[in-house]
Amino acid sequence: MTLGNHSWDQREALVFIERADRLVRPANYPRGTPGRGAALVETKNGKHALVVNALGRVFMTPFDDPFAALERELGACPLGVAADAIVVDFHCEASSEKQGVGFFCDGRASLVVGTHTHVPTADHQILSGGTAYMTDAGMTGDYDSIIGMQKEEPLRRFTSGIPSGRFEPAAGAATLSGVAVETDDATGLALKIAPVRVGGRLEPATPRFWLS
C-alpha cells in the first residue's frame, strides 16, 4: 500500500508506518522520516516485485527531488536483476511531471502510474522502452462526489470562500478504479496494459487479457 501527501494527517500513523512492512510512503520525504520509500515484496508465485512511491513537487509542497529518489531506488534494485517487476506510484498534481517521471523510468520499471488527482485518465500505454504508463489510475470511491467528498461543503467553499464544516466522505456506491499490467517473465517489462473499473457509476472496464 502506497501513501502520498496525506501520510501524516493522523498522528497515530507515525508509529504504524514505521512498523508496517508493506506500507510505503514517498521515497523523497526528508531523511529521518518514519517508514520506507520502497519495498521488495514476494508475490504469490514466488517472484519479487519492487514497489516505489514518490511525491511530486509541482503545485505541491516541495519535498526532495523525486527524480533523484527514483534514480536511487531503481539503481539499488534493478529490474530483471534484483526484481522481477517494478511498480512506481508517482503521487503528483501535474500531468506534465507525471509524464516526465514516466519517461525518466522508461525501460527500468514495469509500470509507472500516477495517483492523487482522483480521476482515471485514458492515456494508458506502453512507452518505447517497455514501461507501462498511466497518468492517473483514479480513485476507488463514490464518483457522485467532489474527489470522494460529499458535495455540499466543497461547493459552499467554492461559491462563498467560507468553510462551514469538515469535508465528509461520500457514502454512495463505490467504483474500484485501477490499472492492470502483464509483464514479460524474462525482462520484467510490460507486454500489456489496460484500465480496471468495477462497480459504482463509471463505465466498467475489464482487461481483455484477463479473459483469455
Protein backbone atom coordinates (compact mmCIF):
# COMPACT_ATOMS: atom_id res chain seq x y z
CA MET A 1 0.00 0.00 0.00
CA THR A 2 1.42 3.34 -1.06
CA LEU A 3 0.81 6.72 0.54
CA GLY A 4 1.19 10.35 -0.53
CA ASN A 5 0.87 13.92 0.70
CA HIS A 6 -1.61 12.97 3.45
CA SER A 7 0.69 10.35 5.01
CA TRP A 8 0.97 12.20 8.31
CA ASP A 9 -2.55 13.62 8.70
CA GLN A 10 -3.22 11.22 11.59
CA ARG A 11 -0.67 11.25 14.40
CA GLU A 12 -1.25 7.54 15.00
CA ALA A 13 0.27 6.85 11.59
CA LEU A 14 3.79 7.77 12.71
CA VAL A 15 4.43 4.53 14.59
CA PHE A 16 2.26 2.39 12.34
CA ILE A 17 4.09 3.43 9.15
CA GLU A 18 7.44 2.64 10.75
CA ARG A 19 6.36 -0.91 11.63
CA ALA A 20 4.25 -1.93 8.60
CA ASP A 21 6.43 -3.91 6.17
CA ARG A 22 4.10 -3.49 3.18
CA LEU A 23 3.26 0.17 3.73
CA VAL A 24 5.32 2.51 1.54
CA ARG A 25 5.49 6.27 1.95
CA PRO A 26 7.06 8.62 -0.64
CA ALA A 27 10.78 7.97 -1.05
CA ASN A 28 11.57 11.69 -1.34
CA TYR A 29 10.38 12.69 2.12
CA PRO A 30 13.32 14.18 4.07
CA ARG A 31 15.93 11.92 5.64
CA GLY A 32 14.80 10.65 9.03
CA THR A 33 11.09 10.48 8.13
CA PRO A 34 9.49 7.30 9.53
CA GLY A 35 8.87 4.42 7.17
CA ARG A 36 10.37 3.47 3.82
CA GLY A 37 10.03 4.73 0.27
CA ALA A 38 10.26 1.31 -1.39
CA ALA A 39 9.51 -2.31 -0.54
CA LEU A 40 10.59 -5.53 -2.23
CA VAL A 41 7.70 -7.96 -1.78
CA GLU A 42 7.38 -11.63 -2.64
CA THR A 43 4.46 -12.42 -4.94
CA LYS A 44 2.18 -15.44 -4.75
CA ASN A 45 4.20 -17.25 -7.44
CA GLY A 46 7.50 -16.73 -5.63
CA LYS A 47 8.78 -13.80 -7.70
CA HIS A 48 9.85 -10.43 -6.28
CA ALA A 49 8.23 -7.09 -7.03
CA LEU A 50 9.66 -3.73 -6.03
CA VAL A 51 7.07 -1.07 -5.17
CA VAL A 52 8.36 2.51 -5.13
CA ASN A 53 6.40 5.60 -4.08
CA ALA A 54 7.41 9.21 -4.82
CA LEU A 55 5.77 12.59 -4.35
CA GLY A 56 5.62 15.33 -6.98
CA ARG A 57 6.69 18.93 -6.40
CA VAL A 58 4.72 20.95 -8.98
CA PHE A 59 1.74 22.64 -7.26
CA MET A 60 2.54 20.63 -4.11
CA THR A 61 4.78 21.02 -1.06
CA PRO A 62 8.33 21.00 -2.48
CA PHE A 63 9.93 17.95 -0.87
CA ASP A 64 13.21 16.40 -2.01
CA ASP A 65 13.84 15.78 -5.72
CA PRO A 66 11.61 12.84 -6.80
CA PHE A 67 13.79 12.10 -9.82
CA ALA A 68 16.88 11.68 -7.63
CA ALA A 69 14.92 9.48 -5.21
CA LEU A 70 13.66 7.26 -8.04
CA GLU A 71 17.16 7.04 -9.51
CA ARG A 72 18.42 5.84 -6.14
CA GLU A 73 15.71 3.22 -5.67
CA LEU A 74 15.82 1.88 -9.23
CA GLY A 75 19.61 1.71 -9.12
CA ALA A 76 19.60 -0.22 -5.86
CA CYS A 77 17.18 -2.88 -7.15
CA PRO A 78 17.41 -3.14 -10.96
CA LEU A 79 14.59 -4.63 -12.99
CA GLY A 80 15.41 -8.10 -14.26
CA VAL A 81 18.29 -8.46 -11.82
CA ALA A 82 17.06 -7.93 -8.26
CA ALA A 83 13.36 -7.51 -9.07
CA ASP A 84 11.09 -9.42 -11.44
CA ALA A 85 8.74 -6.43 -11.65
CA ILE A 86 8.86 -2.80 -10.52
CA VAL A 87 5.83 -0.59 -9.88
CA VAL A 88 6.35 3.16 -9.43
CA ASP A 89 3.45 5.07 -7.89
CA PHE A 90 4.03 8.79 -8.53
CA HIS A 91 1.70 10.81 -6.31
CA CYS A 92 1.53 14.15 -8.07
CA GLU A 93 -0.71 17.05 -9.11
CA ALA A 94 0.70 17.99 -12.53
CA SER A 95 0.24 15.73 -15.56
CA SER A 96 3.46 17.07 -17.05
CA GLU A 97 5.51 15.99 -14.03
CA LYS A 98 3.88 12.55 -14.10
CA GLN A 99 4.73 12.18 -17.78
CA GLY A 100 8.29 13.28 -17.06
CA VAL A 101 8.67 10.54 -14.47
CA GLY A 102 7.20 8.03 -16.90
CA PHE A 103 9.87 8.75 -19.50
CA PHE A 104 12.56 9.02 -16.82
CA CYS A 105 11.78 5.47 -15.67
CA ASP A 106 11.11 4.05 -19.14
CA GLY A 107 12.92 0.76 -19.60
CA ARG A 108 13.70 0.49 -15.88
CA ALA A 109 10.22 -0.15 -14.42
CA SER A 110 7.32 -2.40 -15.31
CA LEU A 111 4.74 0.31 -14.56
CA VAL A 112 4.69 4.00 -13.74
CA VAL A 113 1.22 5.02 -12.57
CA GLY A 114 0.10 8.41 -11.32
CA THR A 115 -2.14 8.96 -8.33
CA HIS A 116 -3.55 11.95 -6.38
CA THR A 117 -5.95 13.66 -8.80
CA HIS A 118 -8.76 11.10 -8.18
CA VAL A 119 -9.85 10.86 -11.84
CA PRO A 120 -8.86 7.97 -14.16
CA THR A 121 -7.12 9.07 -17.34
CA ALA A 122 -7.45 7.45 -20.78
CA ASP A 123 -3.77 7.52 -21.77
CA HIS A 124 -2.68 4.04 -20.64
CA GLN A 125 0.12 2.91 -22.95
CA ILE A 126 3.45 1.12 -23.15
CA LEU A 127 6.31 3.56 -23.64
CA SER A 128 9.06 2.96 -26.20
CA GLY A 129 11.40 1.42 -23.60
CA GLY A 130 8.81 -1.11 -22.44
CA THR A 131 7.39 0.58 -19.34
CA ALA A 132 3.61 0.66 -18.93
CA TYR A 133 2.30 4.13 -18.10
CA MET A 134 -0.94 5.79 -16.99
CA THR A 135 -1.16 9.41 -15.83
CA ASP A 136 -3.73 8.67 -13.11
CA ALA A 137 -5.39 5.43 -12.06
CA GLY A 138 -8.30 7.29 -10.48
CA MET A 139 -9.73 6.90 -7.02
CA THR A 140 -11.62 3.98 -5.56
CA GLY A 141 -14.70 5.60 -4.08
CA ASP A 142 -18.05 7.25 -4.81
CA TYR A 143 -17.82 9.28 -8.04
CA ASP A 144 -21.09 11.08 -7.18
CA SER A 145 -18.89 13.41 -5.18
CA ILE A 146 -16.17 16.05 -5.35
CA ILE A 147 -12.98 13.95 -5.28
CA GLY A 148 -14.65 11.50 -2.93
CA MET A 149 -16.19 14.04 -0.56
CA GLN A 150 -19.86 14.89 -0.09
CA LYS A 151 -20.58 17.76 -2.50
CA GLU A 152 -22.19 20.31 -0.19
CA GLU A 153 -19.18 21.58 1.75
CA PRO A 154 -16.77 21.82 -1.22
CA LEU A 155 -19.46 23.64 -3.24
CA ARG A 156 -20.07 26.04 -0.35
CA ARG A 157 -16.37 26.86 -0.20
CA PHE A 158 -16.12 27.30 -3.96
CA THR A 159 -19.09 29.66 -4.11
CA SER A 160 -18.60 31.63 -0.89
CA GLY A 161 -14.96 31.17 0.06
CA ILE A 162 -16.06 30.42 3.62
CA PRO A 163 -15.70 26.99 5.25
CA SER A 164 -18.62 25.99 7.43
CA GLY A 165 -17.76 22.40 8.31
CA ARG A 166 -15.49 19.45 7.69
CA PHE A 167 -15.24 17.53 4.46
CA GLU A 168 -17.11 14.23 4.84
CA PRO A 169 -16.59 11.16 2.64
CA ALA A 170 -19.32 10.43 0.11
CA ALA A 171 -21.07 7.21 1.07
CA GLY A 172 -22.65 6.09 -2.21
CA ALA A 173 -21.75 3.10 -4.36
CA ALA A 174 -18.02 2.96 -4.93
CA THR A 175 -16.17 2.36 -8.19
CA LEU A 176 -12.92 0.45 -7.88
CA SER A 177 -10.50 2.12 -10.32
CA GLY A 178 -7.05 0.92 -11.24
CA VAL A 179 -4.80 -0.46 -13.94
CA ALA A 180 -3.67 -3.96 -14.92
CA VAL A 181 -0.34 -4.86 -16.49
CA GLU A 182 1.04 -8.10 -17.88
CA THR A 183 4.83 -8.34 -17.82
CA ASP A 184 7.47 -10.33 -19.66
CA ASP A 185 8.91 -13.03 -17.37
CA ALA A 186 12.35 -12.60 -18.95
CA THR A 187 12.71 -8.82 -18.69
CA GLY A 188 10.01 -7.58 -16.28
CA LEU A 189 8.93 -5.02 -18.87
CA ALA A 190 5.30 -4.57 -19.87
CA LEU A 191 3.56 -6.59 -22.56
CA LYS A 192 0.00 -5.35 -21.99
CA ILE A 193 -1.76 -2.60 -20.06
CA ALA A 194 -5.46 -1.87 -19.55
CA PRO A 195 -7.65 0.12 -17.16
CA VAL A 196 -9.75 -1.57 -14.50
CA ARG A 197 -13.10 -0.19 -13.31
CA VAL A 198 -15.57 -2.25 -11.28
CA GLY A 199 -18.92 -1.22 -9.80
CA GLY A 200 -20.30 2.21 -8.98
CA ARG A 201 -21.09 4.93 -11.52
CA LEU A 202 -18.29 4.76 -14.10
CA GLU A 203 -18.45 2.54 -17.17
CA PRO A 204 -16.97 -0.86 -16.27
CA ALA A 205 -13.62 -1.82 -17.77
CA THR A 206 -12.18 -5.33 -17.69
CA PRO A 207 -8.80 -6.04 -19.33
CA ARG A 208 -9.22 -8.37 -22.30
CA PHE A 209 -6.13 -10.33 -21.29
CA TRP A 210 -7.86 -11.26 -18.01
CA LEU A 211 -10.47 -13.10 -20.09
CA SER A 212 -8.14 -15.10 -22.33
